[in-house]
Protein backbone atom coordinates (compact mmCIF):
# COMPACT_ATOMS: atom_id res chain seq x y z
CA MET A 1 -14.24 -7.91 -31.03
CA VAL A 2 -11.86 -5.90 -29.26
CA SER A 3 -8.49 -5.20 -31.34
CA ARG A 4 -4.98 -4.67 -29.25
CA TYR A 5 -4.12 -1.00 -29.54
CA ASN A 6 -0.18 0.44 -30.36
CA ALA A 7 1.03 2.94 -28.12
CA GLY A 8 0.18 6.73 -29.62
CA LYS A 9 -2.37 5.05 -32.41
CA ALA A 10 -6.13 5.26 -32.26
CA VAL A 11 -7.24 1.85 -33.11
CA SER A 12 -10.80 0.82 -33.27
CA ASP A 13 -13.94 -1.45 -34.43
CA GLU A 14 -17.13 -1.71 -34.50
CA ASN A 15 -17.75 -1.23 -30.71
CA ILE A 16 -14.59 -0.21 -28.99
CA HIS A 17 -12.35 3.38 -30.19
CA VAL A 18 -9.10 3.45 -28.43
CA GLU A 19 -6.46 6.29 -28.49
CA ARG A 20 -3.53 6.44 -26.21
CA ASP A 21 -0.93 9.02 -25.80
CA GLY A 22 1.82 8.08 -23.37
CA THR A 23 0.50 7.18 -20.31
CA ARG A 24 -3.31 8.72 -20.87
CA VAL A 25 -5.66 6.63 -22.18
CA ARG A 26 -9.13 7.66 -23.92
CA LEU A 27 -12.26 5.06 -24.90
CA GLU A 28 -15.18 5.36 -26.82
CA VAL A 29 -17.73 2.63 -26.68
CA ALA A 30 -20.58 2.19 -28.30
CA VAL A 31 -22.86 -0.81 -26.75
CA PRO A 32 -24.64 -2.97 -29.51
CA LYS A 33 -28.46 -2.98 -29.31
CA GLU A 34 -28.66 -6.68 -28.58
CA ALA A 35 -26.44 -5.83 -25.02
CA ILE A 36 -28.91 -3.06 -23.98
CA ARG A 37 -31.99 -5.28 -24.14
CA ALA A 38 -30.14 -8.34 -22.82
CA LYS A 39 -29.63 -5.95 -19.83
CA GLU A 40 -32.86 -4.37 -20.15
CA GLU A 41 -34.73 -8.10 -19.87
CA GLN A 42 -32.30 -9.04 -16.69
CA PHE A 43 -33.37 -6.18 -14.80
CA LEU A 44 -37.14 -6.90 -15.82
CA ARG A 45 -36.62 -10.17 -14.35
CA ALA A 46 -35.15 -9.39 -11.06
CA LEU A 47 -37.36 -6.44 -10.35
CA SER A 48 -40.46 -9.15 -11.06
CA GLN A 49 -38.97 -11.46 -8.35
CA GLU A 50 -38.32 -8.54 -5.43
CA LEU A 51 -41.56 -6.39 -6.47
CA ARG A 52 -44.64 -7.56 -5.14
CA ILE A 53 -47.66 -6.22 -7.49
CA PRO A 54 -51.15 -6.87 -5.70
CA GLY A 55 -53.08 -9.43 -8.29
CA PHE A 56 -50.15 -11.03 -9.77
CA ARG A 57 -47.80 -13.99 -8.70
CA PRO A 58 -43.80 -13.05 -8.47
CA GLY A 59 -42.60 -13.10 -12.08
CA LYS A 60 -45.83 -12.10 -13.65
CA ALA A 61 -46.79 -8.75 -13.01
CA PRO A 62 -46.76 -6.69 -16.62
CA ARG A 63 -43.73 -4.57 -17.72
CA HIS A 64 -45.47 -1.66 -16.96
CA LEU A 65 -46.58 -1.83 -13.73
CA LEU A 66 -43.35 -3.37 -12.43
CA LEU A 67 -42.05 0.32 -14.40
CA ARG A 68 -44.61 1.98 -12.54
CA ARG A 69 -43.90 1.06 -9.17
CA PHE A 70 -40.04 0.52 -8.96
CA GLY A 71 -39.55 3.88 -10.99
CA GLU A 72 -38.60 4.12 -14.79
CA GLU A 73 -35.73 7.25 -14.24
CA ALA A 74 -34.46 5.22 -11.74
CA PHE A 75 -34.76 1.87 -13.60
CA TRP A 76 -33.22 2.95 -17.16
CA LYS A 77 -30.38 4.72 -14.88
CA GLU A 78 -29.29 1.51 -13.19
CA VAL A 79 -29.21 -0.40 -16.89
CA ARG A 80 -27.59 2.53 -18.34
CA GLU A 81 -24.67 2.60 -15.45
CA ASP A 82 -24.58 -1.57 -14.97
CA LEU A 83 -24.24 -1.65 -19.07
CA ILE A 84 -21.42 0.95 -18.89
CA GLN A 85 -19.65 -0.75 -16.13
CA ASP A 86 -19.77 -4.24 -17.67
CA TRP A 87 -18.44 -2.48 -20.83
CA LEU A 88 -15.63 -0.80 -19.21
CA GLU A 89 -14.35 -3.97 -17.32
CA ARG A 90 -14.67 -6.02 -20.73
CA ALA A 91 -12.72 -3.23 -22.90
CA ILE A 92 -9.77 -2.76 -19.81
CA ARG A 93 -9.21 -6.67 -19.64
CA ASP A 94 -9.46 -7.54 -23.32
CA LEU A 95 -6.92 -4.48 -24.27
CA ALA A 96 -4.72 -5.83 -20.98
CA LEU A 97 -4.70 -2.17 -19.81
CA HIS A 98 -3.59 -1.64 -16.69
CA PRO A 99 -5.98 1.76 -15.05
CA VAL A 100 -3.52 3.56 -12.08
CA THR A 101 -6.26 6.01 -11.94
CA ALA A 102 -9.85 6.35 -11.48
CA PRO A 103 -11.50 6.40 -15.01
CA LYS A 104 -13.87 9.41 -16.01
CA VAL A 105 -16.45 8.13 -17.17
CA GLU A 106 -19.21 10.64 -19.69
CA THR A 107 -22.46 9.20 -21.21
CA VAL A 108 -22.59 10.19 -24.88
CA GLU A 109 -25.35 8.95 -25.90
CA PHE A 110 -28.41 7.24 -24.54
CA VAL A 111 -31.86 6.17 -26.20
CA ARG A 112 -33.57 3.70 -23.54
CA GLY A 113 -34.02 0.46 -25.70
CA GLU A 114 -31.32 1.15 -28.59
CA SER A 115 -27.97 3.18 -28.52
CA LEU A 116 -25.70 3.71 -25.41
CA ARG A 117 -22.12 5.77 -26.36
CA PHE A 118 -19.46 6.55 -23.27
CA ARG A 119 -16.19 7.82 -23.03
CA ALA A 120 -13.68 7.12 -20.27
CA GLU A 121 -10.56 8.71 -19.74
CA PHE A 122 -7.65 7.23 -17.45
CA GLU A 123 -3.80 6.74 -17.00
CA VAL A 124 -1.89 3.67 -17.35
CA LEU A 125 1.09 1.74 -16.72
CA PRO A 126 3.57 2.93 -19.23
CA GLU A 127 4.62 0.53 -22.08
CA PHE A 128 8.46 -0.10 -22.39
CA THR A 129 11.26 -2.49 -23.65
CA ILE A 130 14.75 -3.41 -22.54
CA PRO A 131 16.88 -3.26 -25.61
CA GLU A 132 19.18 -5.91 -26.64
CA GLY A 133 22.74 -5.50 -24.67
CA LEU A 134 21.86 -2.99 -22.32
CA THR A 135 24.31 -2.76 -19.48
CA LEU A 136 24.13 -0.30 -16.26
CA ALA A 137 26.50 0.63 -13.64
CA VAL A 138 25.08 0.17 -10.39
CA GLU A 139 27.12 1.11 -7.62
CA GLU A 140 27.60 -1.19 -4.44
CA PRO A 141 26.67 0.77 -1.11
CA PRO A 142 29.47 0.50 1.65
CA PRO A 143 29.84 -2.74 3.23
CA ALA A 144 27.76 -3.27 6.27
CA GLU A 145 28.89 -2.77 9.53
CA VAL A 146 27.96 -3.00 13.15
CA ARG A 147 29.16 0.25 15.70
CA GLU A 148 29.77 -0.73 19.15
CA GLU A 149 27.14 1.65 20.79
CA GLU A 150 24.56 -0.02 18.74
CA VAL A 151 25.61 -3.29 20.29
CA ALA A 152 25.34 -1.56 23.62
CA ALA A 153 22.01 0.44 23.33
CA VAL A 154 20.50 -2.68 22.40
CA LEU A 155 21.95 -5.03 25.11
CA ALA A 156 20.66 -2.07 27.13
CA ASP A 157 16.93 -2.79 25.87
CA LEU A 158 17.44 -6.17 26.38
CA ARG A 159 18.28 -5.72 30.34
CA ARG A 160 15.72 -3.27 30.79
CA GLU A 161 13.09 -6.10 29.58
CA ALA A 162 14.65 -8.41 31.48
CA GLY A 163 14.19 -6.36 34.43
CA SER A 164 11.27 -6.07 37.44
CA LEU A 165 8.94 -3.73 37.98
CA LEU A 166 8.68 -2.23 41.75
CA PRO A 167 5.66 -0.38 42.93
CA LYS A 168 6.52 3.37 43.64
CA ASP A 169 4.21 5.66 45.76
CA GLY A 170 5.87 8.98 45.20
CA PRO A 171 6.25 10.68 41.87
CA ALA A 172 7.78 8.84 38.44
CA ALA A 173 11.72 10.42 38.28
CA GLU A 174 13.98 10.05 35.19
CA GLY A 175 13.65 6.24 34.37
CA ASP A 176 10.60 5.16 35.99
CA ILE A 177 7.87 3.24 34.43
CA VAL A 178 4.47 4.72 34.21
CA HIS A 179 1.69 2.66 33.07
CA ILE A 180 -1.09 4.81 31.75
CA LYS A 181 -5.19 3.69 30.93
CA ARG A 182 -7.76 5.32 28.58
CA GLY A 183 -10.88 3.46 28.14
CA GLU A 184 -10.09 -0.01 28.55
CA ARG A 185 -6.41 0.05 27.37
CA ILE A 186 -3.25 0.64 29.19
CA TRP A 187 0.28 1.88 27.68
CA GLU A 188 3.73 1.77 29.27
CA GLY A 189 5.69 4.87 28.96
CA THR A 190 9.16 5.62 30.35
CA ALA A 191 9.58 9.03 32.08
CA SER A 192 12.54 10.61 30.77
CA ALA A 193 13.50 14.60 29.91
CA GLN A 194 15.13 12.70 26.70
CA ARG A 195 11.86 12.57 24.84
CA PRO A 196 8.64 14.33 24.04
CA ILE A 197 6.00 12.44 25.96
CA GLY A 198 8.67 11.22 28.95
CA ARG A 199 8.75 14.60 29.81
CA GLN A 200 5.42 15.10 30.27
CA LEU A 201 5.48 11.94 32.47
CA LEU A 202 7.99 13.09 34.96
CA GLY A 203 6.14 13.68 38.58
CA THR A 204 3.24 11.95 37.66
CA ARG A 205 1.62 9.70 40.19
CA ALA A 206 -0.23 6.20 40.48
CA GLY A 207 -4.30 7.45 40.68
CA THR A 208 -4.18 11.07 39.34
CA ARG A 209 -5.19 12.02 35.36
CA VAL A 210 -2.24 13.45 33.02
CA VAL A 211 -2.98 15.36 29.71
CA LEU A 212 -0.47 14.07 27.11
CA THR A 213 0.32 16.04 24.28
CA ASP A 214 1.94 14.40 20.88
CA GLU A 215 4.44 16.36 18.38
CA GLU A 216 1.58 17.28 16.59
CA GLY A 217 -0.30 19.07 19.27
CA HIS A 218 -3.29 16.20 19.79
CA ALA A 219 -4.10 15.95 23.56
CA GLU A 220 -5.62 13.24 25.27
CA GLU A 221 -6.30 12.85 28.88
CA PHE A 222 -5.30 9.36 30.59
CA GLU A 223 -5.62 8.21 34.48
CA VAL A 224 -2.11 7.42 35.66
CA VAL A 225 -2.96 3.24 36.79
CA GLY A 226 0.79 2.62 38.44
CA VAL A 227 4.02 4.54 38.58
CA TYR A 228 7.18 1.63 39.10
CA THR A 229 10.90 1.41 39.60
CA LEU A 230 12.54 -0.61 37.21
CA SER A 231 15.15 -2.83 38.91
CA LEU A 232 18.27 -4.34 36.53
CA PRO A 233 19.09 -7.42 36.83
CA SER A 234 23.02 -8.11 36.48
CA GLU A 235 24.87 -9.14 33.44
CA GLU A 236 25.07 -12.40 33.67
CA GLU A 237 21.09 -12.67 35.04
CA THR A 238 20.36 -11.29 31.98
CA ALA A 239 22.25 -13.22 29.68
CA ARG A 240 20.73 -16.59 31.39
CA HIS A 241 17.43 -14.51 31.19
CA TYR A 242 17.69 -14.82 27.48
CA GLY A 243 19.36 -18.51 27.48
CA LYS A 244 22.83 -17.22 26.90
CA ALA A 245 25.79 -19.02 29.03
CA SER A 246 27.51 -15.70 29.59
CA TRP A 247 27.20 -11.55 29.07
CA GLU A 248 29.65 -12.28 26.32
CA GLU A 249 27.60 -14.37 24.36
CA LEU A 250 24.97 -12.67 24.52
CA ARG A 251 27.03 -9.44 23.35
CA GLU A 252 28.30 -11.72 20.42
CA GLU A 253 24.48 -12.98 19.73
CA VAL A 254 23.50 -9.25 19.32
CA ARG A 255 26.43 -8.49 17.35
CA ARG A 256 25.74 -11.43 14.68
CA GLU A 257 22.20 -10.06 14.61
CA LEU A 258 22.72 -6.66 13.77
CA LEU A 259 25.55 -7.38 11.24
CA ARG A 260 22.55 -9.28 9.42
CA ARG A 261 20.05 -6.85 9.63
CA ALA A 262 22.94 -4.45 8.35
CA GLU A 263 23.72 -6.43 5.62
CA ALA A 264 19.96 -7.64 4.17
CA GLN A 265 19.75 -2.95 4.63
CA ARG A 266 22.49 -2.71 2.64
CA ARG A 267 21.38 -5.46 -0.13
CA ASP A 268 17.97 -3.92 -0.25
CA GLU A 269 19.79 -0.10 -0.73
CA LEU A 270 22.12 -2.02 -3.80
CA ARG A 271 18.35 -3.43 -4.70
CA ARG A 272 16.96 0.34 -5.32
CA ARG A 273 20.07 1.47 -7.09
CA ALA A 274 19.45 -1.37 -9.42
CA LEU A 275 15.94 -0.51 -10.09
CA ASP A 276 16.55 3.67 -10.18
CA ALA A 277 19.38 2.95 -12.34
CA LEU A 278 17.23 0.76 -15.21
CA ALA A 279 14.47 3.70 -14.71
CA GLU A 280 16.75 6.00 -15.56
CA ALA A 281 18.65 4.22 -18.65
CA LEU A 282 15.02 3.31 -19.84
CA ASN A 283 13.38 7.12 -19.12
CA ILE A 284 10.19 5.54 -17.73
CA PRO A 285 7.50 8.19 -17.19
CA VAL A 286 5.33 8.96 -14.44
CA PRO A 287 1.57 9.16 -14.84
CA PRO A 288 0.86 12.68 -13.79
CA GLY A 289 -2.15 11.85 -12.05
CA LEU A 290 -1.05 8.84 -10.10
CA LEU A 291 2.14 11.15 -9.09
CA ALA A 292 -0.41 13.82 -8.21
CA SER A 293 -2.86 11.65 -5.95
CA ALA A 294 0.46 10.01 -4.67
CA VAL A 295 2.16 13.04 -3.59
CA GLU A 296 -0.89 14.69 -1.58
CA GLU A 297 -0.93 10.97 0.18
CA GLU A 298 2.52 11.91 1.08
CA LEU A 299 1.95 15.12 2.48
CA ALA A 300 -1.37 14.73 4.25
CA ARG A 301 0.86 12.47 6.68
CA LEU A 302 3.86 14.99 7.21
CA PRO A 303 3.44 17.49 10.02
CA LYS A 304 5.12 20.30 8.26
CA LYS A 305 3.83 20.68 4.30
CA GLU A 306 5.70 24.19 3.47
CA GLY A 307 8.68 24.30 1.09
CA VAL A 308 8.72 20.31 0.72
CA ARG A 309 6.59 19.95 -2.11
CA ALA A 310 9.55 19.39 -4.42
CA GLU A 311 11.23 17.18 -2.56
CA VAL A 312 8.37 14.85 -1.67
CA GLU A 313 7.37 15.15 -5.55
CA ARG A 314 11.38 13.74 -6.71
CA VAL A 315 10.91 11.18 -3.76
CA VAL A 316 7.75 9.86 -4.43
CA ALA A 317 8.29 9.91 -8.54
CA ARG A 318 11.61 7.86 -7.97
CA ARG A 319 9.34 5.20 -5.85
CA LEU A 320 6.74 4.84 -8.34
CA ARG A 321 9.09 4.10 -10.85
CA ARG A 322 10.53 1.34 -8.73
CA GLU A 323 6.82 -0.03 -8.97
CA ILE A 324 6.36 0.38 -12.26
CA LEU A 325 9.29 -1.48 -12.95
CA VAL A 326 8.56 -4.34 -10.88
CA HIS A 327 4.90 -4.58 -11.75
CA ARG A 328 5.61 -5.14 -15.40
CA LEU A 329 8.84 -7.04 -15.30
CA SER A 330 7.91 -9.17 -12.79
CA GLU A 331 5.13 -10.36 -15.51
CA GLU A 332 7.21 -10.34 -18.26
CA LYS A 333 10.28 -12.05 -17.04
CA GLY A 334 7.91 -14.45 -14.27
CA LEU A 335 9.07 -13.46 -11.84
CA ALA A 336 6.06 -13.30 -9.19
CA PRO A 337 5.36 -15.22 -6.37
CA SER A 338 2.46 -17.61 -6.90
CA PRO A 339 -0.67 -16.93 -4.74
CA GLU A 340 -0.13 -20.51 -2.81
CA GLU A 341 3.42 -19.67 -2.12
CA VAL A 342 2.61 -16.21 -0.56
CA ARG A 343 -0.03 -17.59 1.40
CA ARG A 344 2.47 -20.26 3.09
CA LEU A 345 5.04 -17.94 3.43
CA ALA A 346 2.56 -15.23 5.33
CA GLN A 347 1.54 -17.99 7.39
CA GLU A 348 4.90 -18.90 8.41
CA GLU A 349 6.80 -15.49 8.57
CA GLY A 350 3.13 -14.01 10.31
CA GLU A 351 3.00 -11.10 7.26
CA ASN A 352 0.50 -9.50 5.55
CA GLU A 353 0.26 -10.92 2.25
CA GLU A 354 -0.01 -7.67 0.17
CA ALA A 355 3.11 -6.74 2.11
CA LEU A 356 4.57 -10.20 1.26
CA HIS A 357 3.97 -10.07 -2.36
CA ALA A 358 5.44 -6.54 -2.69
CA ARG A 359 8.68 -7.44 -0.96
CA LEU A 360 9.38 -10.73 -2.81
CA SER A 361 8.41 -9.22 -6.33
CA PHE A 362 10.79 -6.30 -5.36
CA GLU A 363 13.60 -8.75 -4.57
CA ARG A 364 12.93 -10.77 -7.78
CA VAL A 365 13.22 -8.07 -10.09
CA ALA A 366 15.99 -6.04 -8.65
CA ASP A 367 18.03 -9.18 -8.53
CA TRP A 368 17.34 -9.67 -11.89
CA ILE A 369 18.24 -7.08 -13.10
CA LEU A 370 21.74 -7.25 -11.31
CA GLU A 371 22.24 -10.68 -12.53
CA ASN A 372 21.27 -9.95 -15.95
CA LEU A 373 22.12 -5.88 -16.82
CA ARG A 374 24.68 -5.21 -14.37
CA ARG A 375 27.87 -3.91 -15.96
CA PRO A 376 30.95 -5.81 -14.86
CA LYS A 377 34.00 -3.97 -13.41
């Protein structure tokens, strides 16, 4: 029987001793003799079916011959490791812990068939409660708006997508479309002095090879399989291509869609501000090991790492506090989406289930904060 622990205190019973210091948890587990003997018998039965000992039917070979064939050291190592895994998972489950770092395990004592004691140390999500009467000041982001140049840029892209490609014998010039191939895969690029890769496509010809270098200095050789001039349709032809009666109707459709996206971004920014305000009010700590590993992952994705660690750590810590809040409150307030809902929406929207679950949890927890804790003006 495993007892629940209290934050900052040690709790022990016959088999498990638990200490918690902030977000760090230390377990010491004494595995009962009967559990060791049961695991030993389980492994022996499995070996007796897997190993073939001359002169004995499957399952009938004596223990000492099985151990000699398999290796006694290897046998007891597997027994010990399986027992540690079983009892560590059991303690974590029964104590309702949420490890966020891999447990560091140390065997304290192991006597074959008699006793096993081990220690495990790891970090968990912080514990916190929302005080009664807590209210938050959450500043509204600026109203969503759409600039004319944004509308014009989208319309220009739509017009290009509705255009026709005309093969070209000469070198690629500004605005030409270039098809490049490596292996069985073909990519499409635009020759343009305004883009790093586009500059390298200027002057290329069909049937030649080109070495393209990305911004991080990685170079790859491609075959140029086609150079094309883009023939743009008229504005009215473009509108008809997208099922609109006029260019102005297409323009208004683009404006409404951009405004919808801008409003969705504004709402998400408000949600992030709500989560940040609550995290600051509760002074939620981020487990140091979790923060360190997340910072290293983020730095590994950056082309420039010098002089940015402090800023990366600040940004990552803020993101992790939000994630901790979302995890805790989605469980506590019953806001987490059900697996059935996630599967259904993922199929309808063509979105990854894990990403969809995270998005829905973020939205629902942040909206709960805004509805229940935001101080009215």
